[in-house]
Amino acid sequence: MNHGISAVIYPVKDLDQAKTLYSKLLGAEPMVDSPFYVGWKVGDIDVGLDPNGHKSGLTGPVGYYQVDDIQATLQTLLDGGAQLLQPAKDVGGGMQVASVKDADGNILGIRQVR
């Protein structure tokens, strides 16, 4: 089951500069502040900065849909013509993420929290 977009992740090259900018934009300090991810909770949406996003093929912000079964959803997307960008991987805290590209090059993210 798809529960809608639960996160928007921005690939950034300068994490410290981006953290300062987004802290000002969001009016708060991040809830998660590590060398590999910085994130805020804005309402029901996680807003995150990924300093490795460009290396992973992200070209801009990616919306992540919350799903119950990441493997089944990933297979459904691939069967529907999507191209695998990042297979499902554990990113800590019981969360798995994956991403695909659609036929127009748009990146779709999915995530599952156990």
Protein backbone atom coordinates (compact mmCIF):
# COMPACT_ATOMS: atom_id res chain seq x y z
CA MET A 1 0.00 0.00 0.00
CA ASN A 2 1.19 3.51 -0.84
CA HIS A 3 0.66 6.08 1.93
CA GLY A 4 1.70 9.15 -0.08
CA ILE A 5 4.82 11.26 -0.01
CA SER A 6 6.43 11.22 3.41
CA ALA A 7 9.80 12.78 2.63
CA VAL A 8 11.55 15.15 0.26
CA ILE A 9 15.31 14.73 0.01
CA TYR A 10 17.61 17.32 -1.57
CA PRO A 11 21.03 16.32 -2.90
CA VAL A 12 23.58 18.92 -1.77
CA LYS A 13 27.27 19.49 -2.43
CA ASP A 14 28.05 21.67 0.61
CA LEU A 15 26.21 20.19 3.59
CA ASP A 16 27.13 22.97 6.04
CA GLN A 17 26.00 25.73 3.69
CA ALA A 18 22.77 23.88 2.86
CA LYS A 19 22.09 23.19 6.56
CA THR A 20 22.35 26.91 7.31
CA LEU A 21 20.04 27.83 4.42
CA TYR A 22 17.37 25.22 5.22
CA SER A 23 17.50 26.00 8.96
CA LYS A 24 16.67 29.61 8.12
CA LEU A 25 13.97 28.59 5.64
CA LEU A 26 12.33 26.15 8.04
CA GLY A 27 12.87 28.30 11.15
CA ALA A 28 14.35 25.44 13.16
CA GLU A 29 17.50 23.48 13.78
CA PRO A 30 17.57 19.98 12.26
CA MET A 31 16.32 16.98 14.22
CA VAL A 32 19.02 14.80 12.62
CA ASP A 33 22.46 16.28 12.05
CA SER A 34 25.13 13.88 10.82
CA PRO A 35 27.86 13.96 8.17
CA PHE A 36 25.75 11.78 5.84
CA TYR A 37 22.24 13.23 6.40
CA VAL A 38 20.63 16.31 7.89
CA GLY A 39 16.87 16.34 8.39
CA TRP A 40 13.87 18.24 9.71
CA LYS A 41 10.26 17.26 10.38
CA VAL A 42 7.82 19.73 8.80
CA GLY A 43 4.29 18.67 9.64
CA ASP A 44 4.07 15.06 8.45
CA ILE A 45 6.92 15.42 5.94
CA ASP A 46 10.62 14.74 6.49
CA VAL A 47 12.83 17.28 4.72
CA GLY A 48 16.37 16.02 4.29
CA LEU A 49 19.74 16.95 2.85
CA ASP A 50 21.89 14.21 1.32
CA PRO A 51 25.55 15.13 0.65
CA ASN A 52 25.95 11.88 -1.33
CA GLY A 53 22.81 12.35 -3.40
CA HIS A 54 24.55 13.55 -6.55
CA LYS A 55 26.87 10.52 -6.44
CA SER A 56 23.77 8.31 -6.22
CA GLY A 57 22.32 9.85 -9.37
CA LEU A 58 19.95 12.39 -7.81
CA THR A 59 19.68 15.50 -9.98
CA GLY A 60 17.22 17.44 -7.82
CA PRO A 61 14.76 16.99 -4.95
CA VAL A 62 13.15 13.56 -4.71
CA GLY A 63 9.81 12.80 -3.13
CA TYR A 64 9.74 9.48 -1.27
CA TYR A 65 6.46 7.58 -1.09
CA GLN A 66 5.85 5.63 2.12
CA VAL A 67 5.04 1.99 1.27
CA ASP A 68 4.30 -1.16 3.25
CA ASP A 69 6.44 -3.52 1.14
CA ILE A 70 9.42 -1.89 -0.56
CA GLN A 71 10.42 -4.97 -2.58
CA ALA A 72 6.91 -5.55 -3.96
CA THR A 73 6.47 -1.85 -4.77
CA LEU A 74 9.89 -1.68 -6.42
CA GLN A 75 9.02 -4.70 -8.59
CA THR A 76 5.67 -3.11 -9.53
CA LEU A 77 7.47 0.05 -10.65
CA LEU A 78 10.03 -1.92 -12.66
CA ASP A 79 7.24 -3.98 -14.25
CA GLY A 80 5.58 -0.69 -15.16
CA GLY A 81 8.62 0.45 -17.13
CA ALA A 82 10.70 2.28 -14.52
CA GLN A 83 14.49 2.03 -14.60
CA LEU A 84 16.27 1.04 -11.39
CA LEU A 85 18.36 3.88 -9.99
CA GLN A 86 19.02 2.60 -6.45
CA PRO A 87 17.99 -0.84 -5.19
CA ALA A 88 16.43 -1.11 -1.74
CA LYS A 89 18.99 -0.47 0.97
CA ASP A 90 18.92 -0.07 4.72
CA VAL A 91 19.69 3.51 5.78
CA GLY A 92 19.40 2.89 9.52
CA GLY A 93 16.65 3.15 12.07
CA GLY A 94 14.70 0.34 10.43
CA MET A 95 14.24 2.32 7.22
CA GLN A 96 14.85 1.08 3.69
CA VAL A 97 14.87 3.32 0.61
CA ALA A 98 14.99 2.72 -3.15
CA SER A 99 14.58 4.87 -6.24
CA VAL A 100 13.73 4.52 -9.92
CA LYS A 101 13.49 6.76 -12.98
CA ASP A 102 10.37 6.98 -15.08
CA ALA A 103 10.43 7.18 -18.89
CA ASP A 104 10.85 10.98 -18.70
CA GLY A 105 13.83 10.81 -16.35
CA ASN A 106 11.87 11.81 -13.23
CA ILE A 107 13.14 10.16 -10.08
CA LEU A 108 10.64 8.42 -7.80
CA GLY A 109 11.68 7.39 -4.32
CA ILE A 110 10.05 4.80 -2.10
CA ARG A 111 10.71 4.04 1.54
CA GLN A 112 9.60 1.54 4.12
CA VAL A 113 9.90 1.88 7.88
CA ARG A 114 9.74 -1.29 9.94
